[in-house]
């Protein structure tokens, strides 16, 4: 008797799970394009809300220290335990960026992020 395990092939593992194709709704215009146009005119507006749990078209890599990563993970777990909000690190970072951008828009040079960057 052979000890070799029989596994399904790649075609079976990666087959489509639906018979009918999904209808794709047209995408609304991305707010980032509006911000680009506004920046060209000398004005800029932060998006009202972050994208949340959607498929993202753009990617940005951010390097953090081990301590920053542990702090980020700790914040995610605190949100889950104390507020009942389950989010991934990416969404947490997107929300934090949205808050910082809104603060810049509202308070300009007096914003917290400008103060921290100036002190760095």
PDB file of N, CA and C in Angstrom:
ATOM      1  N   UNK A   1       0.832  -1.178   0.000  1.00  0.00           N
ATOM      2  CA  UNK A   1       0.000   0.000   0.000  1.00  0.00           C
ATOM      3  C   UNK A   1       0.887   1.256   0.000  1.00  0.00           C
ATOM      4  N   UNK A   2       0.553   2.182  -0.865  1.00  0.00           N
ATOM      5  CA  UNK A   2       1.348   3.398  -1.023  1.00  0.00           C
ATOM      6  C   UNK A   2       1.006   4.409   0.074  1.00  0.00           C
ATOM      7  N   UNK A   3       1.999   5.084   0.561  1.00  0.00           N
ATOM      8  CA  UNK A   3       1.784   6.127   1.576  1.00  0.00           C
ATOM      9  C   UNK A   3       1.583   7.491   0.927  1.00  0.00           C
ATOM     10  N   UNK A   4       1.634   7.544  -0.356  1.00  0.00           N
ATOM     11  CA  UNK A   4       1.503   8.807  -1.072  1.00  0.00           C
ATOM     12  C   UNK A   4       0.047   9.276  -1.022  1.00  0.00           C
ATOM     13  N   UNK A   5      -0.130  10.526  -0.688  1.00  0.00           N
ATOM     14  CA  UNK A   5      -1.467  11.109  -0.584  1.00  0.00           C
ATOM     15  C   UNK A   5      -1.886  11.629  -1.947  1.00  0.00           C
ATOM     16  N   UNK A   6      -3.125  11.384  -2.298  1.00  0.00           N
ATOM     17  CA  UNK A   6      -3.660  11.880  -3.558  1.00  0.00           C
ATOM     18  C   UNK A   6      -4.329  13.228  -3.313  1.00  0.00           C
ATOM     19  N   UNK A   7      -3.834  14.264  -3.972  1.00  0.00           N
ATOM     20  CA  UNK A   7      -4.373  15.613  -3.819  1.00  0.00           C
ATOM     21  C   UNK A   7      -5.054  16.048  -5.106  1.00  0.00           C
ATOM     22  N   UNK A   8      -6.040  16.951  -4.990  1.00  0.00           N
ATOM     23  CA  UNK A   8      -6.678  17.451  -6.201  1.00  0.00           C
ATOM     24  C   UNK A   8      -5.697  18.310  -7.009  1.00  0.00           C
ATOM     25  N   UNK A   9      -5.951  18.409  -8.305  1.00  0.00           N
ATOM     26  CA  UNK A   9      -5.102  19.219  -9.165  1.00  0.00           C
ATOM     27  C   UNK A   9      -5.398  20.701  -9.027  1.00  0.00           C
ATOM     28  N   UNK A  10      -4.561  21.504  -9.636  1.00  0.00           N
ATOM     29  CA  UNK A  10      -4.713  22.959  -9.569  1.00  0.00           C
ATOM     30  C   UNK A  10      -6.040  23.409 -10.157  1.00  0.00           C
ATOM     31  N   UNK A  11      -6.505  22.751 -11.240  1.00  0.00           N
ATOM     32  CA  UNK A  11      -7.784  23.138 -11.849  1.00  0.00           C
ATOM     33  C   UNK A  11      -8.935  22.982 -10.866  1.00  0.00           C
ATOM     34  N   UNK A  12      -8.885  21.963 -10.049  1.00  0.00           N
ATOM     35  CA  UNK A  12      -9.947  21.743  -9.069  1.00  0.00           C
ATOM     36  C   UNK A  12      -9.828  22.712  -7.897  1.00  0.00           C
ATOM     37  N   UNK A  13      -8.606  22.993  -7.478  1.00  0.00           N
ATOM     38  CA  UNK A  13      -8.413  23.891  -6.348  1.00  0.00           C
ATOM     39  C   UNK A  13      -8.770  25.338  -6.678  1.00  0.00           C
ATOM     40  N   UNK A  14      -8.491  25.760  -7.902  1.00  0.00           N
ATOM     41  CA  UNK A  14      -8.682  27.154  -8.274  1.00  0.00           C
ATOM     42  C   UNK A  14      -9.835  27.358  -9.243  1.00  0.00           C
ATOM     43  N   UNK A  15     -10.841  26.546  -9.137  1.00  0.00           N
ATOM     44  CA  UNK A  15     -11.997  26.677 -10.025  1.00  0.00           C
ATOM     45  C   UNK A  15     -12.918  27.791  -9.534  1.00  0.00           C
ATOM     46  N   UNK A  16     -13.693  28.377 -10.445  1.00  0.00           N
ATOM     47  CA  UNK A  16     -14.666  29.394 -10.018  1.00  0.00           C
ATOM     48  C   UNK A  16     -15.713  28.762  -9.105  1.00  0.00           C
ATOM     49  N   UNK A  17     -16.160  29.495  -8.113  1.00  0.00           N
ATOM     50  CA  UNK A  17     -17.133  28.948  -7.171  1.00  0.00           C
ATOM     51  C   UNK A  17     -18.570  29.290  -7.543  1.00  0.00           C
ATOM     52  N   UNK A  18     -18.756  30.140  -8.522  1.00  0.00           N
ATOM     53  CA  UNK A  18     -20.113  30.498  -8.960  1.00  0.00           C
ATOM     54  C   UNK A  18     -20.285  30.105 -10.416  1.00  0.00           C
ATOM     55  N   UNK A  19     -21.499  29.691 -10.755  1.00  0.00           N
ATOM     56  CA  UNK A  19     -21.781  29.329 -12.135  1.00  0.00           C
ATOM     57  C   UNK A  19     -21.992  30.558 -13.009  1.00  0.00           C
ATOM     58  N   UNK A  20     -22.718  31.544 -12.476  1.00  0.00           N
ATOM     59  CA  UNK A  20     -23.022  32.731 -13.264  1.00  0.00           C
ATOM     60  C   UNK A  20     -22.029  33.842 -12.926  1.00  0.00           C
ATOM     61  N   UNK A  21     -21.680  34.669 -13.906  1.00  0.00           N
ATOM     62  CA  UNK A  21     -20.758  35.767 -13.603  1.00  0.00           C
ATOM     63  C   UNK A  21     -21.437  36.821 -12.743  1.00  0.00           C
ATOM     64  N   UNK A  22     -20.657  37.424 -11.864  1.00  0.00           N
ATOM     65  CA  UNK A  22     -21.195  38.475 -11.007  1.00  0.00           C
ATOM     66  C   UNK A  22     -21.378  39.747 -11.805  1.00  0.00           C
ATOM     67  N   UNK A  23     -22.473  40.454 -11.532  1.00  0.00           N
ATOM     68  CA  UNK A  23     -22.657  41.746 -12.167  1.00  0.00           C
ATOM     69  C   UNK A  23     -21.779  42.746 -11.439  1.00  0.00           C
ATOM     70  N   UNK A  24     -21.101  43.535 -12.209  1.00  0.00           N
ATOM     71  CA  UNK A  24     -20.210  44.525 -11.628  1.00  0.00           C
ATOM     72  C   UNK A  24     -20.873  45.888 -11.750  1.00  0.00           C
ATOM     73  N   UNK A  25     -21.111  46.509 -10.592  1.00  0.00           N
ATOM     74  CA  UNK A  25     -21.712  47.840 -10.588  1.00  0.00           C
ATOM     75  C   UNK A  25     -20.657  48.853 -11.002  1.00  0.00           C
ATOM     76  N   UNK A  26     -21.061  49.897 -11.715  1.00  0.00           N
ATOM     77  CA  UNK A  26     -20.075  50.910 -12.091  1.00  0.00           C
ATOM     78  C   UNK A  26     -19.522  51.596 -10.856  1.00  0.00           C
ATOM     79  N   UNK A  27     -18.229  51.866 -10.881  1.00  0.00           N
ATOM     80  CA  UNK A  27     -17.580  52.500  -9.735  1.00  0.00           C
ATOM     81  C   UNK A  27     -17.882  53.994  -9.727  1.00  0.00           C
ATOM     82  N   UNK A  28     -18.161  54.545  -8.535  1.00  0.00           N
ATOM     83  CA  UNK A  28     -18.278  55.997  -8.466  1.00  0.00           C
ATOM     84  C   UNK A  28     -16.893  56.605  -8.620  1.00  0.00           C
ATOM     85  N   UNK A  29     -16.813  57.857  -9.033  1.00  0.00           N
ATOM     86  CA  UNK A  29     -15.491  58.462  -9.182  1.00  0.00           C
ATOM     87  C   UNK A  29     -14.754  58.479  -7.843  1.00  0.00           C
ATOM     88  N   UNK A  30     -13.482  58.197  -7.893  1.00  0.00           N
ATOM     89  CA  UNK A  30     -12.676  58.131  -6.674  1.00  0.00           C
ATOM     90  C   UNK A  30     -12.448  59.532  -6.117  1.00  0.00           C
ATOM     91  N   UNK A  31     -12.615  59.701  -4.787  1.00  0.00           N
ATOM     92  CA  UNK A  31     -12.389  61.022  -4.216  1.00  0.00           C
ATOM     93  C   UNK A  31     -10.949  61.484  -4.357  1.00  0.00           C
ATOM     94  N   UNK A  32     -10.004  60.553  -4.491  1.00  0.00           N
ATOM     95  CA  UNK A  32      -8.603  60.950  -4.623  1.00  0.00           C
ATOM     96  C   UNK A  32      -8.394  61.791  -5.882  1.00  0.00           C
ATOM     97  N   UNK A  33      -9.124  61.492  -6.965  1.00  0.00           N
ATOM     98  CA  UNK A  33      -8.986  62.290  -8.172  1.00  0.00           C
ATOM     99  C   UNK A  33      -9.468  63.713  -7.935  1.00  0.00           C
ATOM    100  N   UNK A  34     -10.551  63.851  -7.170  1.00  0.00           N
ATOM    101  CA  UNK A  34     -11.033  65.180  -6.847  1.00  0.00           C
ATOM    102  C   UNK A  34      -9.981  65.938  -6.048  1.00  0.00           C
ATOM    103  N   UNK A  35      -9.313  65.250  -5.129  1.00  0.00           N
ATOM    104  CA  UNK A  35      -8.278  65.890  -4.330  1.00  0.00           C
ATOM    105  C   UNK A  35      -7.095  66.315  -5.194  1.00  0.00           C
ATOM    106  N   UNK A  36      -6.752  65.496  -6.191  1.00  0.00           N
ATOM    107  CA  UNK A  36      -5.653  65.848  -7.090  1.00  0.00           C
ATOM    108  C   UNK A  36      -6.016  67.116  -7.848  1.00  0.00           C
ATOM    109  N   UNK A  37      -7.239  67.176  -8.390  1.00  0.00           N
ATOM    110  CA  UNK A  37      -7.673  68.373  -9.109  1.00  0.00           C
ATOM    111  C   UNK A  37      -7.689  69.580  -8.180  1.00  0.00           C
ATOM    112  N   UNK A  38      -8.148  69.395  -6.946  1.00  0.00           N
ATOM    113  CA  UNK A  38      -8.209  70.496  -5.995  1.00  0.00           C
ATOM    114  C   UNK A  38      -6.804  70.979  -5.642  1.00  0.00           C
ATOM    115  N   UNK A  39      -5.854  70.036  -5.495  1.00  0.00           N
ATOM    116  CA  UNK A  39      -4.480  70.428  -5.187  1.00  0.00           C
ATOM    117  C   UNK A  39      -3.891  71.243  -6.322  1.00  0.00           C
ATOM    118  N   UNK A  40      -4.228  70.873  -7.565  1.00  0.00           N
ATOM    119  CA  UNK A  40      -3.710  71.631  -8.702  1.00  0.00           C
ATOM    120  C   UNK A  40      -4.238  73.062  -8.693  1.00  0.00           C
ATOM    121  N   UNK A  41      -5.437  73.245  -8.161  1.00  0.00           N
ATOM    122  CA  UNK A  41      -6.020  74.584  -8.073  1.00  0.00           C
ATOM    123  C   UNK A  41      -5.549  75.308  -6.817  1.00  0.00           C
ATOM    124  N   UNK A  42      -4.755  74.641  -5.970  1.00  0.00           N
ATOM    125  CA  UNK A  42      -4.247  75.285  -4.772  1.00  0.00           C
ATOM    126  C   UNK A  42      -5.078  74.981  -3.538  1.00  0.00           C
ATOM    127  N   UNK A  43      -6.108  74.176  -3.656  1.00  0.00           N
ATOM    128  CA  UNK A  43      -6.935  73.804  -2.504  1.00  0.00           C
ATOM    129  C   UNK A  43      -6.871  72.292  -2.351  1.00  0.00           C
ATOM    130  N   UNK A  44      -7.177  71.830  -1.162  1.00  0.00           N
ATOM    131  CA  UNK A  44      -7.178  70.389  -0.944  1.00  0.00           C
ATOM    132  C   UNK A  44      -8.220  70.060   0.099  1.00  0.00           C
ATOM    133  N   UNK A  45      -8.928  68.944  -0.098  1.00  0.00           N
ATOM    134  CA  UNK A  45      -9.910  68.516   0.890  1.00  0.00           C
ATOM    135  C   UNK A  45      -9.656  67.057   1.223  1.00  0.00           C
ATOM    136  N   UNK A  46      -9.720  66.733   2.497  1.00  0.00           N
ATOM    137  CA  UNK A  46      -9.548  65.354   2.942  1.00  0.00           C
ATOM    138  C   UNK A  46     -10.830  64.584   2.671  1.00  0.00           C
ATOM    139  N   UNK A  47     -10.743  63.294   2.365  1.00  0.00           N
ATOM    140  CA  UNK A  47     -11.960  62.508   2.184  1.00  0.00           C
ATOM    141  C   UNK A  47     -12.757  62.466   3.482  1.00  0.00           C
ATOM    142  N   UNK A  48     -14.086  62.472   3.356  1.00  0.00           N
ATOM    143  CA  UNK A  48     -14.926  62.474   4.557  1.00  0.00           C
ATOM    144  C   UNK A  48     -14.786  61.171   5.336  1.00  0.00           C
ATOM    145  N   UNK A  49     -14.730  60.058   4.649  1.00  0.00           N
ATOM    146  CA  UNK A  49     -14.593  58.755   5.287  1.00  0.00           C
ATOM    147  C   UNK A  49     -13.532  57.965   4.560  1.00  0.00           C
ATOM    148  N   UNK A  50     -12.900  57.050   5.280  1.00  0.00           N
ATOM    149  CA  UNK A  50     -11.946  56.170   4.621  1.00  0.00           C
ATOM    150  C   UNK A  50     -12.714  55.081   3.905  1.00  0.00           C
ATOM    151  N   UNK A  51     -11.983  54.302   3.151  1.00  0.00           N
ATOM    152  CA  UNK A  51     -12.626  53.315   2.290  1.00  0.00           C
ATOM    153  C   UNK A  51     -13.148  52.097   3.040  1.00  0.00           C
ATOM    154  N   UNK A  52     -12.656  51.817   4.242  1.00  0.00           N
ATOM    155  CA  UNK A  52     -13.153  50.658   4.977  1.00  0.00           C
ATOM    156  C   UNK A  52     -12.749  49.355   4.315  1.00  0.00           C
ATOM    157  N   UNK A  53     -13.647  48.379   4.337  1.00  0.00           N
ATOM    158  CA  UNK A  53     -13.338  47.055   3.805  1.00  0.00           C
ATOM    159  C   UNK A  53     -13.795  46.940   2.368  1.00  0.00           C
ATOM    160  N   UNK A  54     -12.984  47.420   1.469  1.00  0.00           N
ATOM    161  CA  UNK A  54     -13.247  47.307   0.041  1.00  0.00           C
ATOM    162  C   UNK A  54     -11.950  46.892  -0.642  1.00  0.00           C
ATOM    163  N   UNK A  55     -12.064  46.463  -1.885  1.00  0.00           N
ATOM    164  CA  UNK A  55     -10.869  46.143  -2.655  1.00  0.00           C
ATOM    165  C   UNK A  55     -10.195  47.455  -3.033  1.00  0.00           C
ATOM    166  N   UNK A  56      -8.926  47.547  -2.739  1.00  0.00           N
ATOM    167  CA  UNK A  56      -8.193  48.773  -3.020  1.00  0.00           C
ATOM    168  C   UNK A  56      -7.377  48.615  -4.299  1.00  0.00           C
ATOM    169  N   UNK A  57      -7.310  49.682  -5.070  1.00  0.00           N
ATOM    170  CA  UNK A  57      -6.588  49.652  -6.334  1.00  0.00           C
ATOM    171  C   UNK A  57      -5.130  50.073  -6.187  1.00  0.00           C
ATOM    172  N   UNK A  58      -4.805  50.751  -5.129  1.00  0.00           N
ATOM    173  CA  UNK A  58      -3.450  51.259  -4.936  1.00  0.00           C
ATOM    174  C   UNK A  58      -2.825  50.630  -3.693  1.00  0.00           C
ATOM    175  N   UNK A  59      -1.510  50.572  -3.699  1.00  0.00           N
ATOM    176  CA  UNK A  59      -0.797  49.999  -2.559  1.00  0.00           C
ATOM    177  C   UNK A  59       0.344  50.926  -2.169  1.00  0.00           C
ATOM    178  N   UNK A  60       0.572  51.010  -0.868  1.00  0.00           N
ATOM    179  CA  UNK A  60       1.676  51.795  -0.349  1.00  0.00           C
ATOM    180  C   UNK A  60       2.333  50.973   0.753  1.00  0.00           C
ATOM    181  N   UNK A  61       3.636  50.872   0.732  1.00  0.00           N
ATOM    182  CA  UNK A  61       4.354  50.134   1.760  1.00  0.00           C
ATOM    183  C   UNK A  61       4.882  51.116   2.790  1.00  0.00           C
ATOM    184  N   UNK A  62       4.660  50.807   4.051  1.00  0.00           N
ATOM    185  CA  UNK A  62       5.146  51.642   5.151  1.00  0.00           C
ATOM    186  C   UNK A  62       5.968  50.754   6.063  1.00  0.00           C
ATOM    187  N   UNK A  63       7.165  51.190   6.370  1.00  0.00           N
ATOM    188  CA  UNK A  63       8.024  50.444   7.277  1.00  0.00           C
ATOM    189  C   UNK A  63       7.873  51.005   8.682  1.00  0.00           C
ATOM    190  N   UNK A  64       7.702  50.114   9.651  1.00  0.00           N
ATOM    191  CA  UNK A  64       7.552  50.516  11.050  1.00  0.00           C
ATOM    192  C   UNK A  64       8.537  49.714  11.891  1.00  0.00           C
ATOM    193  N   UNK A  65       8.820  50.227  13.084  1.00  0.00           N
ATOM    194  CA  UNK A  65       9.690  49.496  13.999  1.00  0.00           C
ATOM    195  C   UNK A  65       8.896  48.355  14.629  1.00  0.00           C
ATOM    196  N   UNK A  66       9.594  47.461  15.291  1.00  0.00           N
ATOM    197  CA  UNK A  66       8.926  46.359  15.990  1.00  0.00           C
ATOM    198  C   UNK A  66       7.978  46.888  17.057  1.00  0.00           C
ATOM    199  N   UNK A  67       8.414  47.910  17.793  1.00  0.00           N
ATOM    200  CA  UNK A  67       7.573  48.486  18.840  1.00  0.00           C
ATOM    201  C   UNK A  67       6.318  49.133  18.257  1.00  0.00           C
ATOM    202  N   UNK A  68       6.464  49.839  17.129  1.00  0.00           N
ATOM    203  CA  UNK A  68       5.291  50.455  16.494  1.00  0.00           C
ATOM    204  C   UNK A  68       4.301  49.397  16.018  1.00  0.00           C
ATOM    205  N   UNK A  69       4.810  48.302  15.481  1.00  0.00           N
ATOM    206  CA  UNK A  69       3.937  47.225  15.032  1.00  0.00           C
ATOM    207  C   UNK A  69       3.212  46.578  16.211  1.00  0.00           C
ATOM    208  N   UNK A  70       3.915  46.373  17.309  1.00  0.00           N
ATOM    209  CA  UNK A  70       3.289  45.807  18.507  1.00  0.00           C
ATOM    210  C   UNK A  70       2.234  46.769  19.044  1.00  0.00           C
ATOM    211  N   UNK A  71       2.539  48.078  19.059  1.00  0.00           N
ATOM    212  CA  UNK A  71       1.557  49.076  19.508  1.00  0.00           C
ATOM    213  C   UNK A  71       0.324  49.089  18.616  1.00  0.00           C
ATOM    214  N   UNK A  72       0.535  48.965  17.321  1.00  0.00           N
ATOM    215  CA  UNK A  72      -0.588  48.933  16.376  1.00  0.00           C
ATOM    216  C   UNK A  72      -1.451  47.696  16.610  1.00  0.00           C
ATOM    217  N   UNK A  73      -0.821  46.570  16.791  1.00  0.00           N
ATOM    218  CA  UNK A  73      -1.558  45.334  17.061  1.00  0.00           C
ATOM    219  C   UNK A  73      -2.281  45.418  18.403  1.00  0.00           C
ATOM    220  N   UNK A  74      -1.639  46.022  19.396  1.00  0.00           N
ATOM    221  CA  UNK A  74      -2.272  46.203  20.705  1.00  0.00           C
ATOM    222  C   UNK A  74      -3.525  47.089  20.572  1.00  0.00           C
ATOM    223  N   UNK A  75      -3.400  48.178  19.818  1.00  0.00           N
ATOM    224  CA  UNK A  75      -4.554  49.062  19.607  1.00  0.00           C
ATOM    225  C   UNK A  75      -5.694  48.311  18.929  1.00  0.00           C
ATOM    226  N   UNK A  76      -5.358  47.474  17.946  1.00  0.00           N
ATOM    227  CA  UNK A  76      -6.382  46.676  17.253  1.00  0.00           C
ATOM    228  C   UNK A  76      -7.095  45.739  18.227  1.00  0.00           C
ATOM    229  N   UNK A  77      -6.327  45.113  19.111  1.00  0.00           N
ATOM    230  CA  UNK A  77      -6.921  44.193  20.085  1.00  0.00           C
ATOM    231  C   UNK A  77      -7.753  44.932  21.136  1.00  0.00           C
ATOM    232  N   UNK A  78      -7.307  46.114  21.545  1.00  0.00           N
ATOM    233  CA  UNK A  78      -8.080  46.921  22.497  1.00  0.00           C
ATOM    234  C   UNK A  78      -9.415  47.329  21.860  1.00  0.00           C
ATOM    235  N   UNK A  79      -9.378  47.745  20.598  1.00  0.00           N
ATOM    236  CA  UNK A  79     -10.620  48.095  19.895  1.00  0.00           C
ATOM    237  C   UNK A  79     -11.580  46.903  19.863  1.00  0.00           C
ATOM    238  N   UNK A  80     -11.019  45.736  19.624  1.00  0.00           N
ATOM    239  CA  UNK A  80     -11.860  44.533  19.554  1.00  0.00           C
ATOM    240  C   UNK A  80     -12.438  44.179  20.926  1.00  0.00           C
ATOM    241  N   UNK A  81     -11.588  44.227  21.968  1.00  0.00           N
ATOM    242  CA  UNK A  81     -12.012  43.823  23.303  1.00  0.00           C
ATOM    243  C   UNK A  81     -12.937  44.857  23.943  1.00  0.00           C
ATOM    244  N   UNK A  82     -12.558  46.126  23.921  1.00  0.00           N
ATOM    245  CA  UNK A  82     -13.286  47.137  24.685  1.00  0.00           C
ATOM    246  C   UNK A  82     -14.390  47.841  23.909  1.00  0.00           C
ATOM    247  N   UNK A  83     -14.253  47.930  22.592  1.00  0.00           N
ATOM    248  CA  UNK A  83     -15.268  48.628  21.803  1.00  0.00           C
ATOM    249  C   UNK A  83     -16.067  47.682  20.918  1.00  0.00           C
ATOM    250  N   UNK A  84     -15.640  46.413  20.843  1.00  0.00           N
ATOM    251  CA  UNK A  84     -16.360  45.452  20.013  1.00  0.00           C
ATOM    252  C   UNK A  84     -16.193  45.721  18.525  1.00  0.00           C
ATOM    253  N   UNK A  85     -15.097  46.385  18.152  1.00  0.00           N
ATOM    254  CA  UNK A  85     -14.849  46.724  16.748  1.00  0.00           C
ATOM    255  C   UNK A  85     -13.700  45.860  16.248  1.00  0.00           C
ATOM    256  N   UNK A  86     -13.986  44.979  15.309  1.00  0.00           N
ATOM    257  CA  UNK A  86     -12.948  44.126  14.739  1.00  0.00           C
ATOM    258  C   UNK A  86     -12.456  44.752  13.441  1.00  0.00           C
ATOM    259  N   UNK A  87     -11.215  45.239  13.458  1.00  0.00           N
ATOM    260  CA  UNK A  87     -10.622  45.843  12.268  1.00  0.00           C
ATOM    261  C   UNK A  87      -9.245  45.244  12.043  1.00  0.00           C
ATOM    262  N   UNK A  88      -8.799  45.296  10.799  1.00  0.00           N
ATOM    263  CA  UNK A  88      -7.432  44.863  10.536  1.00  0.00           C
ATOM    264  C   UNK A  88      -6.501  46.067  10.647  1.00  0.00           C
ATOM    265  N   UNK A  89      -5.215  45.803  10.644  1.00  0.00           N
ATOM    266  CA  UNK A  89      -4.243  46.892  10.818  1.00  0.00           C
ATOM    267  C   UNK A  89      -4.328  47.912   9.692  1.00  0.00           C
ATOM    268  N   UNK A  90      -4.577  47.445   8.481  1.00  0.00           N
ATOM    269  CA  UNK A  90      -4.670  48.359   7.345  1.00  0.00           C
ATOM    270  C   UNK A  90      -5.792  49.364   7.511  1.00  0.00           C
ATOM    271  N   UNK A  91      -6.946  48.886   7.942  1.00  0.00           N
ATOM    272  CA  UNK A  91      -8.073  49.800   8.127  1.00  0.00           C
ATOM    273  C   UNK A  91      -7.808  50.771   9.268  1.00  0.00           C
ATOM    274  N   UNK A  92      -7.184  50.287  10.314  1.00  0.00           N
ATOM    275  CA  UNK A  92      -6.829  51.155  11.435  1.00  0.00           C
ATOM    276  C   UNK A  92      -5.882  52.266  10.973  1.00  0.00           C
ATOM    277  N   UNK A  93      -4.906  51.912  10.164  1.00  0.00           N
ATOM    278  CA  UNK A  93      -3.968  52.907   9.645  1.00  0.00           C
ATOM    279  C   UNK A  93      -4.679  53.883   8.712  1.00  0.00           C
ATOM    280  N   UNK A  94      -5.572  53.388   7.831  1.00  0.00           N
ATOM    281  CA  UNK A  94      -6.304  54.294   6.927  1.00  0.00           C
ATOM    282  C   UNK A  94      -7.150  55.289   7.703  1.00  0.00           C
ATOM    283  N   UNK A  95      -7.787  54.846   8.790  1.00  0.00           N
ATOM    284  CA  UNK A  95      -8.581  55.758   9.618  1.00  0.00           C
ATOM    285  C   UNK A  95      -7.694  56.804  10.285  1.00  0.00           C
ATOM    286  N   UNK A  96      -6.527  56.368  10.775  1.00  0.00           N
ATOM    287  CA  UNK A  96      -5.604  57.303  11.420  1.00  0.00           C
ATOM    288  C   UNK A  96      -5.099  58.347  10.420  1.00  0.00           C
ATOM    289  N   UNK A  97      -4.812  57.913   9.203  1.00  0.00           N
ATOM    290  CA  UNK A  97      -4.377  58.848   8.164  1.00  0.00           C
ATOM    291  C   UNK A  97      -5.497  59.835   7.848  1.00  0.00           C
ATOM    292  N   UNK A  98      -6.730  59.364   7.762  1.00  0.00           N
ATOM    293  CA  UNK A  98      -7.862  60.252   7.485  1.00  0.00           C
ATOM    294  C   UNK A  98      -8.031  61.294   8.588  1.00  0.00           C
ATOM    295  N   UNK A  99      -7.834  60.876   9.833  1.00  0.00           N
ATOM    296  CA  UNK A  99      -7.928  61.817  10.960  1.00  0.00           C
ATOM    297  C   UNK A  99      -6.830  62.869  10.856  1.00  0.00           C
ATOM    298  N   UNK A 100      -5.605  62.436  10.551  1.00  0.00           N
ATOM    299  CA  UNK A 100      -4.490  63.378  10.437  1.00  0.00           C
ATOM    300  C   UNK A 100      -4.727  64.360   9.292  1.00  0.00           C
ATOM    301  N   UNK A 101      -5.218  63.871   8.153  1.00  0.00           N
ATOM    302  CA  UNK A 101      -5.468  64.758   7.015  1.00  0.00           C
ATOM    303  C   UNK A 101      -6.589  65.743   7.303  1.00  0.00           C
ATOM    304  N   UNK A 102      -7.624  65.287   7.987  1.00  0.00           N
ATOM    305  CA  UNK A 102      -8.721  66.192   8.351  1.00  0.00           C
ATOM    306  C   UNK A 102      -8.230  67.269   9.319  1.00  0.00           C
ATOM    307  N   UNK A 103      -7.328  66.889  10.234  1.00  0.00           N
ATOM    308  CA  UNK A 103      -6.768  67.852  11.178  1.00  0.00           C
ATOM    309  C   UNK A 103      -5.935  68.900  10.445  1.00  0.00           C
ATOM    310  N   UNK A 104      -5.161  68.470   9.450  1.00  0.00           N
ATOM    311  CA  UNK A 104      -4.377  69.419   8.648  1.00  0.00           C
ATOM    312  C   UNK A 104      -5.312  70.379   7.925  1.00  0.00           C
ATOM    313  N   UNK A 105      -6.377  69.833   7.345  1.00  0.00           N
ATOM    314  CA  UNK A 105      -7.318  70.675   6.614  1.00  0.00           C
ATOM    315  C   UNK A 105      -7.999  71.690   7.534  1.00  0.00           C
ATOM    316  N   UNK A 106      -8.368  71.236   8.724  1.00  0.00           N
ATOM    317  CA  UNK A 106      -9.108  72.096   9.649  1.00  0.00           C
ATOM    318  C   UNK A 106      -8.213  73.129  10.333  1.00  0.00           C
ATOM    319  N   UNK A 107      -7.042  72.696  10.804  1.00  0.00           N
ATOM    320  CA  UNK A 107      -6.210  73.572  11.632  1.00  0.00           C
ATOM    321  C   UNK A 107      -4.934  74.043  10.956  1.00  0.00           C
ATOM    322  N   UNK A 108      -4.626  73.498   9.774  1.00  0.00           N
ATOM    323  CA  UNK A 108      -3.450  73.924   9.027  1.00  0.00           C
ATOM    324  C   UNK A 108      -2.169  73.764   9.818  1.00  0.00           C
ATOM    325  N   UNK A 109      -1.367  74.826   9.908  1.00  0.00           N
ATOM    326  CA  UNK A 109      -0.069  74.724  10.585  1.00  0.00           C
ATOM    327  C   UNK A 109      -0.184  74.458  12.081  1.00  0.00           C
ATOM    328  N   UNK A 110      -1.361  74.625  12.651  1.00  0.00           N
ATOM    329  CA  UNK A 110      -1.559  74.368  14.078  1.00  0.00           C
ATOM    330  C   UNK A 110      -1.961  72.925  14.363  1.00  0.00           C
ATOM    331  N   UNK A 111      -2.035  72.097  13.325  1.00  0.00           N
ATOM    332  CA  UNK A 111      -2.483  70.709  13.503  1.00  0.00           C
ATOM    333  C   UNK A 111      -1.452  69.887  14.262  1.00  0.00           C
ATOM    334  N   UNK A 112      -1.910  68.830  14.876  1.00  0.00           N
ATOM    335  CA  UNK A 112      -1.046  67.931  15.650  1.00  0.00           C
ATOM    336  C   UNK A 112       0.030  67.312  14.782  1.00  0.00           C
ATOM    337  N   UNK A 113      -0.336  66.884  13.577  1.00  0.00           N
ATOM    338  CA  UNK A 113       0.641  66.222  12.708  1.00  0.00           C
ATOM    339  C   UNK A 113       1.748  67.187  12.285  1.00  0.00           C
ATOM    340  N   UNK A 114       1.394  68.448  12.016  1.00  0.00           N
ATOM    341  CA  UNK A 114       2.405  69.442  11.651  1.00  0.00           C
ATOM    342  C   UNK A 114       3.335  69.687  12.839  1.00  0.00           C
ATOM    343  N   UNK A 115       2.778  69.776  14.032  1.00  0.00           N
ATOM    344  CA  UNK A 115       3.597  69.981  15.224  1.00  0.00           C
ATOM    345  C   UNK A 115       4.556  68.820  15.435  1.00  0.00           C
ATOM    346  N   UNK A 116       4.070  67.586  15.299  1.00  0.00           N
ATOM    347  CA  UNK A 116       4.926  66.412  15.497  1.00  0.00           C
ATOM    348  C   UNK A 116       6.022  66.324  14.430  1.00  0.00           C
ATOM    349  N   UNK A 117       5.662  66.619  13.191  1.00  0.00           N
ATOM    350  CA  UNK A 117       6.653  66.560  12.117  1.00  0.00           C
ATOM    351  C   UNK A 117       7.713  67.657  12.285  1.00  0.00           C
ATOM    352  N   UNK A 118       7.297  68.804  12.756  1.00  0.00           N
ATOM    353  CA  UNK A 118       8.242  69.906  12.976  1.00  0.00           C
ATOM    354  C   UNK A 118       9.202  69.575  14.124  1.00  0.00           C
ATOM    355  N   UNK A 119       8.714  68.842  15.131  1.00  0.00           N
ATOM    356  CA  UNK A 119       9.538  68.474  16.276  1.00  0.00           C
ATOM    357  C   UNK A 119      10.496  67.327  15.964  1.00  0.00           C
ATOM    358  N   UNK A 120      10.220  66.589  14.906  1.00  0.00           N
ATOM    359  CA  UNK A 120      11.032  65.389  14.592  1.00  0.00           C
ATOM    360  C   UNK A 120      12.400  65.738  14.062  1.00  0.00           C
TER     361      UNK A 120
END
